[in-house]
PDB file of N, CA and C in Angstrom:
ATOM      1  N   UNK A   1       0.843  -1.180  -0.001  1.00  0.00           N
ATOM      2  CA  UNK A   1       0.002   0.000   0.001  1.00  0.00           C
ATOM      3  C   UNK A   1       0.888   1.243   0.001  1.00  0.00           C
ATOM      4  N   UNK A   2       0.437   2.246  -0.686  1.00  0.00           N
ATOM      5  CA  UNK A   2       1.220   3.474  -0.775  1.00  0.00           C
ATOM      6  C   UNK A   2       1.008   4.356   0.452  1.00  0.00           C
ATOM      7  N   UNK A   3       2.031   5.082   0.830  1.00  0.00           N
ATOM      8  CA  UNK A   3       1.930   5.978   1.977  1.00  0.00           C
ATOM      9  C   UNK A   3       1.325   7.313   1.542  1.00  0.00           C
ATOM     10  N   UNK A   4       1.038   8.160   2.510  1.00  0.00           N
ATOM     11  CA  UNK A   4       0.476   9.475   2.224  1.00  0.00           C
ATOM     12  C   UNK A   4       1.445  10.323   1.404  1.00  0.00           C
ATOM     13  N   UNK A   5       2.719  10.157   1.648  1.00  0.00           N
ATOM     14  CA  UNK A   5       3.719  10.912   0.879  1.00  0.00           C
ATOM     15  C   UNK A   5       3.716  10.452  -0.577  1.00  0.00           C
ATOM     16  N   UNK A   6       3.583   9.149  -0.790  1.00  0.00           N
ATOM     17  CA  UNK A   6       3.533   8.625  -2.159  1.00  0.00           C
ATOM     18  C   UNK A   6       2.289   9.126  -2.884  1.00  0.00           C
ATOM     19  N   UNK A   7       1.139   9.123  -2.197  1.00  0.00           N
ATOM     20  CA  UNK A   7      -0.104   9.614  -2.814  1.00  0.00           C
ATOM     21  C   UNK A   7       0.004  11.106  -3.111  1.00  0.00           C
ATOM     22  N   UNK A   8       0.684  11.859  -2.260  1.00  0.00           N
ATOM     23  CA  UNK A   8       0.889  13.281  -2.512  1.00  0.00           C
ATOM     24  C   UNK A   8       1.747  13.476  -3.753  1.00  0.00           C
ATOM     25  N   UNK A   9       2.769  12.670  -3.910  1.00  0.00           N
ATOM     26  CA  UNK A   9       3.624  12.757  -5.096  1.00  0.00           C
ATOM     27  C   UNK A   9       2.834  12.400  -6.356  1.00  0.00           C
ATOM     28  N   UNK A  10       1.988  11.383  -6.273  1.00  0.00           N
ATOM     29  CA  UNK A  10       1.160  11.003  -7.426  1.00  0.00           C
ATOM     30  C   UNK A  10       0.213  12.142  -7.783  1.00  0.00           C
ATOM     31  N   UNK A  11      -0.416  12.765  -6.773  1.00  0.00           N
ATOM     32  CA  UNK A  11      -1.318  13.885  -7.037  1.00  0.00           C
ATOM     33  C   UNK A  11      -0.563  15.051  -7.675  1.00  0.00           C
ATOM     34  N   UNK A  12       0.645  15.320  -7.200  1.00  0.00           N
ATOM     35  CA  UNK A  12       1.451  16.402  -7.758  1.00  0.00           C
ATOM     36  C   UNK A  12       1.743  16.154  -9.235  1.00  0.00           C
ATOM     37  N   UNK A  13       2.090  14.929  -9.601  1.00  0.00           N
ATOM     38  CA  UNK A  13       2.369  14.594 -10.994  1.00  0.00           C
ATOM     39  C   UNK A  13       1.100  14.736 -11.837  1.00  0.00           C
ATOM     40  N   UNK A  14      -0.024  14.271 -11.313  1.00  0.00           N
ATOM     41  CA  UNK A  14      -1.297  14.408 -12.032  1.00  0.00           C
ATOM     42  C   UNK A  14      -1.646  15.888 -12.193  1.00  0.00           C
ATOM     43  N   UNK A  15      -1.474  16.680 -11.137  1.00  0.00           N
ATOM     44  CA  UNK A  15      -1.798  18.105 -11.197  1.00  0.00           C
ATOM     45  C   UNK A  15      -0.923  18.825 -12.225  1.00  0.00           C
ATOM     46  N   UNK A  16       0.370  18.541 -12.204  1.00  0.00           N
ATOM     47  CA  UNK A  16       1.298  19.210 -13.109  1.00  0.00           C
ATOM     48  C   UNK A  16       1.008  18.834 -14.562  1.00  0.00           C
ATOM     49  N   UNK A  17       0.702  17.566 -14.822  1.00  0.00           N
ATOM     50  CA  UNK A  17       0.365  17.132 -16.176  1.00  0.00           C
ATOM     51  C   UNK A  17      -0.933  17.789 -16.641  1.00  0.00           C
ATOM     52  N   UNK A  18      -1.900  17.873 -15.742  1.00  0.00           N
ATOM     53  CA  UNK A  18      -3.176  18.501 -16.068  1.00  0.00           C
ATOM     54  C   UNK A  18      -2.985  19.989 -16.344  1.00  0.00           C
ATOM     55  N   UNK A  19      -2.098  20.638 -15.629  1.00  0.00           N
ATOM     56  CA  UNK A  19      -1.843  22.059 -15.855  1.00  0.00           C
ATOM     57  C   UNK A  19      -1.434  22.310 -17.298  1.00  0.00           C
ATOM     58  N   UNK A  20      -0.532  21.493 -17.832  1.00  0.00           N
ATOM     59  CA  UNK A  20      -0.090  21.691 -19.205  1.00  0.00           C
ATOM     60  C   UNK A  20      -1.184  21.357 -20.212  1.00  0.00           C
ATOM     61  N   UNK A  21      -2.134  20.520 -19.845  1.00  0.00           N
ATOM     62  CA  UNK A  21      -3.269  20.251 -20.719  1.00  0.00           C
ATOM     63  C   UNK A  21      -4.267  21.404 -20.693  1.00  0.00           C
ATOM     64  N   UNK A  22      -4.375  22.107 -19.555  1.00  0.00           N
ATOM     65  CA  UNK A  22      -5.359  23.170 -19.374  1.00  0.00           C
ATOM     66  C   UNK A  22      -4.824  24.534 -19.828  1.00  0.00           C
ATOM     67  N   UNK A  23      -3.535  24.724 -19.875  1.00  0.00           N
ATOM     68  CA  UNK A  23      -2.951  26.033 -20.204  1.00  0.00           C
ATOM     69  C   UNK A  23      -3.515  26.681 -21.475  1.00  0.00           C
ATOM     70  N   UNK A  24      -3.732  25.948 -22.555  1.00  0.00           N
ATOM     71  CA  UNK A  24      -4.220  26.621 -23.759  1.00  0.00           C
ATOM     72  C   UNK A  24      -5.702  27.010 -23.725  1.00  0.00           C
ATOM     73  N   UNK A  25      -6.471  26.580 -22.729  1.00  0.00           N
ATOM     74  CA  UNK A  25      -7.904  26.881 -22.683  1.00  0.00           C
ATOM     75  C   UNK A  25      -8.125  28.387 -22.612  1.00  0.00           C
ATOM     76  N   UNK A  26      -8.791  28.930 -23.589  1.00  0.00           N
ATOM     77  CA  UNK A  26      -9.140  30.339 -23.579  1.00  0.00           C
ATOM     78  C   UNK A  26      -7.982  31.301 -23.767  1.00  0.00           C
ATOM     79  N   UNK A  27      -6.832  30.811 -24.173  1.00  0.00           N
ATOM     80  CA  UNK A  27      -5.669  31.687 -24.339  1.00  0.00           C
ATOM     81  C   UNK A  27      -5.791  32.474 -25.643  1.00  0.00           C
ATOM     82  N   UNK A  28      -5.601  33.759 -25.536  1.00  0.00           N
ATOM     83  CA  UNK A  28      -5.591  34.633 -26.710  1.00  0.00           C
ATOM     84  C   UNK A  28      -4.258  35.367 -26.737  1.00  0.00           C
ATOM     85  N   UNK A  29      -3.613  35.337 -27.890  1.00  0.00           N
ATOM     86  CA  UNK A  29      -2.325  36.002 -28.035  1.00  0.00           C
ATOM     87  C   UNK A  29      -2.475  37.506 -28.193  1.00  0.00           C
ATOM     88  N   UNK A  30      -1.385  38.213 -27.972  1.00  0.00           N
ATOM     89  CA  UNK A  30      -1.391  39.661 -28.123  1.00  0.00           C
ATOM     90  C   UNK A  30      -1.679  40.059 -29.565  1.00  0.00           C
ATOM     91  N   UNK A  31      -1.226  39.250 -30.513  1.00  0.00           N
ATOM     92  CA  UNK A  31      -1.468  39.558 -31.925  1.00  0.00           C
ATOM     93  C   UNK A  31      -2.953  39.451 -32.250  1.00  0.00           C
ATOM     94  N   UNK A  32      -3.654  38.524 -31.617  1.00  0.00           N
ATOM     95  CA  UNK A  32      -5.100  38.381 -31.854  1.00  0.00           C
ATOM     96  C   UNK A  32      -5.869  39.583 -31.296  1.00  0.00           C
ATOM     97  N   UNK A  33      -5.398  40.145 -30.201  1.00  0.00           N
ATOM     98  CA  UNK A  33      -6.058  41.305 -29.599  1.00  0.00           C
ATOM     99  C   UNK A  33      -5.555  42.627 -30.166  1.00  0.00           C
ATOM    100  N   UNK A  34      -4.555  42.581 -31.044  1.00  0.00           N
ATOM    101  CA  UNK A  34      -3.953  43.764 -31.672  1.00  0.00           C
ATOM    102  C   UNK A  34      -3.407  44.741 -30.637  1.00  0.00           C
ATOM    103  N   UNK A  35      -2.903  44.232 -29.522  1.00  0.00           N
ATOM    104  CA  UNK A  35      -2.296  45.058 -28.479  1.00  0.00           C
ATOM    105  C   UNK A  35      -0.957  44.442 -28.082  1.00  0.00           C
ATOM    106  N   UNK A  36       0.019  44.585 -28.924  1.00  0.00           N
ATOM    107  CA  UNK A  36       1.328  43.984 -28.671  1.00  0.00           C
ATOM    108  C   UNK A  36       2.163  44.943 -27.834  1.00  0.00           C
ATOM    109  N   UNK A  37       2.559  44.495 -26.651  1.00  0.00           N
ATOM    110  CA  UNK A  37       3.405  45.306 -25.773  1.00  0.00           C
ATOM    111  C   UNK A  37       4.823  45.329 -26.340  1.00  0.00           C
ATOM    112  N   UNK A  38       5.485  46.472 -26.298  1.00  0.00           N
ATOM    113  CA  UNK A  38       6.847  46.553 -26.827  1.00  0.00           C
ATOM    114  C   UNK A  38       7.794  45.583 -26.106  1.00  0.00           C
ATOM    115  N   UNK A  39       8.596  44.889 -26.895  1.00  0.00           N
ATOM    116  CA  UNK A  39       9.589  43.983 -26.346  1.00  0.00           C
ATOM    117  C   UNK A  39       9.068  42.601 -26.007  1.00  0.00           C
ATOM    118  N   UNK A  40       7.820  42.286 -26.384  1.00  0.00           N
ATOM    119  CA  UNK A  40       7.264  40.961 -26.099  1.00  0.00           C
ATOM    120  C   UNK A  40       6.959  40.226 -27.391  1.00  0.00           C
ATOM    121  N   UNK A  41       6.813  38.942 -27.284  1.00  0.00           N
ATOM    122  CA  UNK A  41       6.461  38.082 -28.407  1.00  0.00           C
ATOM    123  C   UNK A  41       4.989  38.302 -28.764  1.00  0.00           C
ATOM    124  N   UNK A  42       4.650  38.462 -30.036  1.00  0.00           N
ATOM    125  CA  UNK A  42       3.254  38.676 -30.406  1.00  0.00           C
ATOM    126  C   UNK A  42       2.338  37.500 -30.033  1.00  0.00           C
ATOM    127  N   UNK A  43       2.899  36.307 -29.908  1.00  0.00           N
ATOM    128  CA  UNK A  43       2.093  35.148 -29.538  1.00  0.00           C
ATOM    129  C   UNK A  43       1.905  34.994 -28.043  1.00  0.00           C
ATOM    130  N   UNK A  44       2.530  35.858 -27.245  1.00  0.00           N
ATOM    131  CA  UNK A  44       2.380  35.779 -25.788  1.00  0.00           C
ATOM    132  C   UNK A  44       0.942  36.119 -25.403  1.00  0.00           C
ATOM    133  N   UNK A  45       0.431  35.480 -24.359  1.00  0.00           N
ATOM    134  CA  UNK A  45      -0.959  35.755 -23.985  1.00  0.00           C
ATOM    135  C   UNK A  45      -1.160  37.196 -23.538  1.00  0.00           C
ATOM    136  N   UNK A  46      -2.306  37.749 -23.916  1.00  0.00           N
ATOM    137  CA  UNK A  46      -2.593  39.124 -23.516  1.00  0.00           C
ATOM    138  C   UNK A  46      -3.021  39.174 -22.054  1.00  0.00           C
ATOM    139  N   UNK A  47      -3.775  38.187 -21.605  1.00  0.00           N
ATOM    140  CA  UNK A  47      -4.147  38.061 -20.182  1.00  0.00           C
ATOM    141  C   UNK A  47      -3.933  36.597 -19.787  1.00  0.00           C
ATOM    142  N   UNK A  48      -3.121  36.371 -18.786  1.00  0.00           N
ATOM    143  CA  UNK A  48      -2.772  34.993 -18.422  1.00  0.00           C
ATOM    144  C   UNK A  48      -3.887  34.289 -17.658  1.00  0.00           C
ATOM    145  N   UNK A  49      -4.568  34.965 -16.738  1.00  0.00           N
ATOM    146  CA  UNK A  49      -5.633  34.370 -15.920  1.00  0.00           C
ATOM    147  C   UNK A  49      -5.168  33.082 -15.228  1.00  0.00           C
ATOM    148  N   UNK A  50      -4.028  33.163 -14.589  1.00  0.00           N
ATOM    149  CA  UNK A  50      -3.452  31.972 -13.966  1.00  0.00           C
ATOM    150  C   UNK A  50      -4.284  31.461 -12.796  1.00  0.00           C
ATOM    151  N   UNK A  51      -4.919  32.348 -12.051  1.00  0.00           N
ATOM    152  CA  UNK A  51      -5.758  31.891 -10.942  1.00  0.00           C
ATOM    153  C   UNK A  51      -6.884  30.999 -11.411  1.00  0.00           C
ATOM    154  N   UNK A  52      -7.548  31.401 -12.492  1.00  0.00           N
ATOM    155  CA  UNK A  52      -8.630  30.599 -13.060  1.00  0.00           C
ATOM    156  C   UNK A  52      -8.089  29.267 -13.578  1.00  0.00           C
ATOM    157  N   UNK A  53      -6.927  29.298 -14.233  1.00  0.00           N
ATOM    158  CA  UNK A  53      -6.328  28.068 -14.736  1.00  0.00           C
ATOM    159  C   UNK A  53      -5.938  27.126 -13.608  1.00  0.00           C
ATOM    160  N   UNK A  54      -5.438  27.684 -12.494  1.00  0.00           N
ATOM    161  CA  UNK A  54      -5.076  26.839 -11.350  1.00  0.00           C
ATOM    162  C   UNK A  54      -6.309  26.186 -10.738  1.00  0.00           C
ATOM    163  N   UNK A  55      -7.414  26.917 -10.667  1.00  0.00           N
ATOM    164  CA  UNK A  55      -8.656  26.332 -10.131  1.00  0.00           C
ATOM    165  C   UNK A  55      -9.181  25.224 -11.031  1.00  0.00           C
ATOM    166  N   UNK A  56      -9.178  25.450 -12.334  1.00  0.00           N
ATOM    167  CA  UNK A  56      -9.620  24.414 -13.277  1.00  0.00           C
ATOM    168  C   UNK A  56      -8.698  23.208 -13.192  1.00  0.00           C
ATOM    169  N   UNK A  57      -7.399  23.456 -13.121  1.00  0.00           N
ATOM    170  CA  UNK A  57      -6.422  22.372 -13.027  1.00  0.00           C
ATOM    171  C   UNK A  57      -6.640  21.551 -11.761  1.00  0.00           C
ATOM    172  N   UNK A  58      -6.890  22.221 -10.642  1.00  0.00           N
ATOM    173  CA  UNK A  58      -7.111  21.517  -9.382  1.00  0.00           C
ATOM    174  C   UNK A  58      -8.372  20.668  -9.438  1.00  0.00           C
ATOM    175  N   UNK A  59      -9.442  21.192 -10.020  1.00  0.00           N
ATOM    176  CA  UNK A  59     -10.691  20.430 -10.117  1.00  0.00           C
ATOM    177  C   UNK A  59     -10.541  19.218 -11.024  1.00  0.00           C
ATOM    178  N   UNK A  60      -9.954  19.409 -12.199  1.00  0.00           N
ATOM    179  CA  UNK A  60      -9.789  18.296 -13.137  1.00  0.00           C
ATOM    180  C   UNK A  60      -8.835  17.249 -12.572  1.00  0.00           C
ATOM    181  N   UNK A  61      -7.744  17.692 -11.980  1.00  0.00           N
ATOM    182  CA  UNK A  61      -6.782  16.724 -11.448  1.00  0.00           C
ATOM    183  C   UNK A  61      -7.340  15.982 -10.237  1.00  0.00           C
ATOM    184  N   UNK A  62      -8.226  16.604  -9.467  1.00  0.00           N
ATOM    185  CA  UNK A  62      -8.856  15.901  -8.349  1.00  0.00           C
ATOM    186  C   UNK A  62      -9.728  14.756  -8.857  1.00  0.00           C
ATOM    187  N   UNK A  63     -10.455  14.980  -9.947  1.00  0.00           N
ATOM    188  CA  UNK A  63     -11.289  13.925 -10.526  1.00  0.00           C
ATOM    189  C   UNK A  63     -10.420  12.804 -11.092  1.00  0.00           C
ATOM    190  N   UNK A  64      -9.366  13.173 -11.811  1.00  0.00           N
ATOM    191  CA  UNK A  64      -8.460  12.169 -12.381  1.00  0.00           C
ATOM    192  C   UNK A  64      -7.771  11.387 -11.267  1.00  0.00           C
ATOM    193  N   UNK A  65      -7.321  12.085 -10.232  1.00  0.00           N
ATOM    194  CA  UNK A  65      -6.654  11.418  -9.122  1.00  0.00           C
ATOM    195  C   UNK A  65      -7.612  10.475  -8.390  1.00  0.00           C
ATOM    196  N   UNK A  66      -8.865  10.885  -8.200  1.00  0.00           N
ATOM    197  CA  UNK A  66      -9.843  10.018  -7.532  1.00  0.00           C
ATOM    198  C   UNK A  66     -10.056   8.736  -8.330  1.00  0.00           C
ATOM    199  N   UNK A  67     -10.150   8.858  -9.650  1.00  0.00           N
ATOM    200  CA  UNK A  67     -10.277   7.658 -10.484  1.00  0.00           C
ATOM    201  C   UNK A  67      -9.053   6.773 -10.396  1.00  0.00           C
ATOM    202  N   UNK A  68      -7.891   7.369 -10.443  1.00  0.00           N
ATOM    203  CA  UNK A  68      -6.640   6.615 -10.325  1.00  0.00           C
ATOM    204  C   UNK A  68      -6.536   5.933  -8.965  1.00  0.00           C
ATOM    205  N   UNK A  69      -6.922   6.655  -7.919  1.00  0.00           N
ATOM    206  CA  UNK A  69      -6.888   6.095  -6.563  1.00  0.00           C
ATOM    207  C   UNK A  69      -7.812   4.870  -6.455  1.00  0.00           C
ATOM    208  N   UNK A  70      -9.007   4.983  -7.004  1.00  0.00           N
ATOM    209  CA  UNK A  70      -9.942   3.856  -6.955  1.00  0.00           C
ATOM    210  C   UNK A  70      -9.427   2.657  -7.741  1.00  0.00           C
ATOM    211  N   UNK A  71      -8.871   2.908  -8.908  1.00  0.00           N
ATOM    212  CA  UNK A  71      -8.357   1.811  -9.728  1.00  0.00           C
ATOM    213  C   UNK A  71      -7.213   1.104  -9.011  1.00  0.00           C
ATOM    214  N   UNK A  72      -6.329   1.857  -8.372  1.00  0.00           N
ATOM    215  CA  UNK A  72      -5.171   1.244  -7.717  1.00  0.00           C
ATOM    216  C   UNK A  72      -5.568   0.541  -6.419  1.00  0.00           C
ATOM    217  N   UNK A  73      -6.385   1.189  -5.579  1.00  0.00           N
ATOM    218  CA  UNK A  73      -6.694   0.599  -4.270  1.00  0.00           C
ATOM    219  C   UNK A  73      -7.720  -0.520  -4.348  1.00  0.00           C
ATOM    220  N   UNK A  74      -8.607  -0.486  -5.319  1.00  0.00           N
ATOM    221  CA  UNK A  74      -9.652  -1.518  -5.437  1.00  0.00           C
ATOM    222  C   UNK A  74      -9.295  -2.613  -6.431  1.00  0.00           C
ATOM    223  N   UNK A  75      -8.112  -2.527  -7.037  1.00  0.00           N
ATOM    224  CA  UNK A  75      -7.669  -3.502  -8.033  1.00  0.00           C
ATOM    225  C   UNK A  75      -8.708  -3.691  -9.133  1.00  0.00           C
ATOM    226  N   UNK A  76      -9.244  -2.581  -9.647  1.00  0.00           N
ATOM    227  CA  UNK A  76     -10.262  -2.639 -10.691  1.00  0.00           C
ATOM    228  C   UNK A  76      -9.679  -2.961 -12.056  1.00  0.00           C
ATOM    229  N   UNK A  77      -8.394  -2.723 -12.214  1.00  0.00           N
ATOM    230  CA  UNK A  77      -7.751  -2.902 -13.505  1.00  0.00           C
ATOM    231  C   UNK A  77      -6.313  -3.306 -13.260  1.00  0.00           C
ATOM    232  N   UNK A  78      -5.842  -4.278 -13.995  1.00  0.00           N
ATOM    233  CA  UNK A  78      -4.465  -4.724 -13.850  1.00  0.00           C
ATOM    234  C   UNK A  78      -3.804  -4.909 -15.202  1.00  0.00           C
ATOM    235  N   UNK A  79      -2.549  -5.229 -15.188  1.00  0.00           N
ATOM    236  CA  UNK A  79      -1.827  -5.437 -16.440  1.00  0.00           C
ATOM    237  C   UNK A  79      -2.360  -6.643 -17.202  1.00  0.00           C
ATOM    238  N   UNK A  80      -2.914  -7.628 -16.506  1.00  0.00           N
ATOM    239  CA  UNK A  80      -3.477  -8.796 -17.180  1.00  0.00           C
ATOM    240  C   UNK A  80      -4.744  -8.450 -17.960  1.00  0.00           C
ATOM    241  N   UNK A  81      -5.335  -7.319 -17.701  1.00  0.00           N
ATOM    242  CA  UNK A  81      -6.538  -6.902 -18.415  1.00  0.00           C
ATOM    243  C   UNK A  81      -6.241  -6.242 -19.759  1.00  0.00           C
ATOM    244  N   UNK A  82      -4.987  -5.967 -20.041  1.00  0.00           N
ATOM    245  CA  UNK A  82      -4.599  -5.367 -21.323  1.00  0.00           C
ATOM    246  C   UNK A  82      -4.397  -6.507 -22.313  1.00  0.00           C
ATOM    247  N   UNK A  83      -5.205  -6.560 -23.375  1.00  0.00           N
ATOM    248  CA  UNK A  83      -5.204  -7.749 -24.234  1.00  0.00           C
ATOM    249  C   UNK A  83      -3.929  -7.990 -25.027  1.00  0.00           C
ATOM    250  N   UNK A  84      -3.174  -6.960 -25.391  1.00  0.00           N
ATOM    251  CA  UNK A  84      -2.012  -7.182 -26.244  1.00  0.00           C
ATOM    252  C   UNK A  84      -0.728  -7.463 -25.474  1.00  0.00           C
ATOM    253  N   UNK A  85      -0.763  -7.425 -24.139  1.00  0.00           N
ATOM    254  CA  UNK A  85       0.420  -7.758 -23.363  1.00  0.00           C
ATOM    255  C   UNK A  85       0.544  -9.254 -23.198  1.00  0.00           C
ATOM    256  N   UNK A  86       1.762  -9.790 -23.177  1.00  0.00           N
ATOM    257  CA  UNK A  86       1.923 -11.236 -23.011  1.00  0.00           C
ATOM    258  C   UNK A  86       1.534 -11.675 -21.595  1.00  0.00           C
ATOM    259  N   UNK A  87       1.069 -12.897 -21.493  1.00  0.00           N
ATOM    260  CA  UNK A  87       0.703 -13.477 -20.198  1.00  0.00           C
ATOM    261  C   UNK A  87       1.914 -14.223 -19.628  1.00  0.00           C
ATOM    262  N   UNK A  88       2.227 -13.934 -18.392  1.00  0.00           N
ATOM    263  CA  UNK A  88       3.341 -14.615 -17.734  1.00  0.00           C
ATOM    264  C   UNK A  88       2.781 -15.443 -16.585  1.00  0.00           C
ATOM    265  N   UNK A  89       3.353 -16.612 -16.403  1.00  0.00           N
ATOM    266  CA  UNK A  89       2.946 -17.489 -15.313  1.00  0.00           C
ATOM    267  C   UNK A  89       3.743 -17.136 -14.067  1.00  0.00           C
ATOM    268  N   UNK A  90       3.113 -17.283 -12.916  1.00  0.00           N
ATOM    269  CA  UNK A  90       3.831 -17.016 -11.653  1.00  0.00           C
ATOM    270  C   UNK A  90       4.819 -18.140 -11.373  1.00  0.00           C
ATOM    271  N   UNK A  91       5.958 -17.753 -10.856  1.00  0.00           N
ATOM    272  CA  UNK A  91       6.983 -18.729 -10.497  1.00  0.00           C
ATOM    273  C   UNK A  91       6.939 -18.867  -8.983  1.00  0.00           C
ATOM    274  N   UNK A  92       6.810 -20.072  -8.507  1.00  0.00           N
ATOM    275  CA  UNK A  92       6.709 -20.319  -7.049  1.00  0.00           C
ATOM    276  C   UNK A  92       8.053 -20.449  -6.427  1.00  0.00           C
TER     277      UNK A  92
END
């Protein structure tokens, strides 16, 4: 069984991966808004809205983590359930 520290590390990895999936949601570049600040890349976001992105990331990652937690702790799915993997016999 995994410890609380291990589950925290798993949640952190899920959260960080989800953040990169959520980052492009609603992003508009400075070139799209026709307000390019001097010295910046035209593709840089005009408004980052990081607080909103962090809240969305936390909600989505909590759902993903809950599903992952259930699958791991309840043994709902295992490697033997993947049809294209070879079957190995246990050695006593």
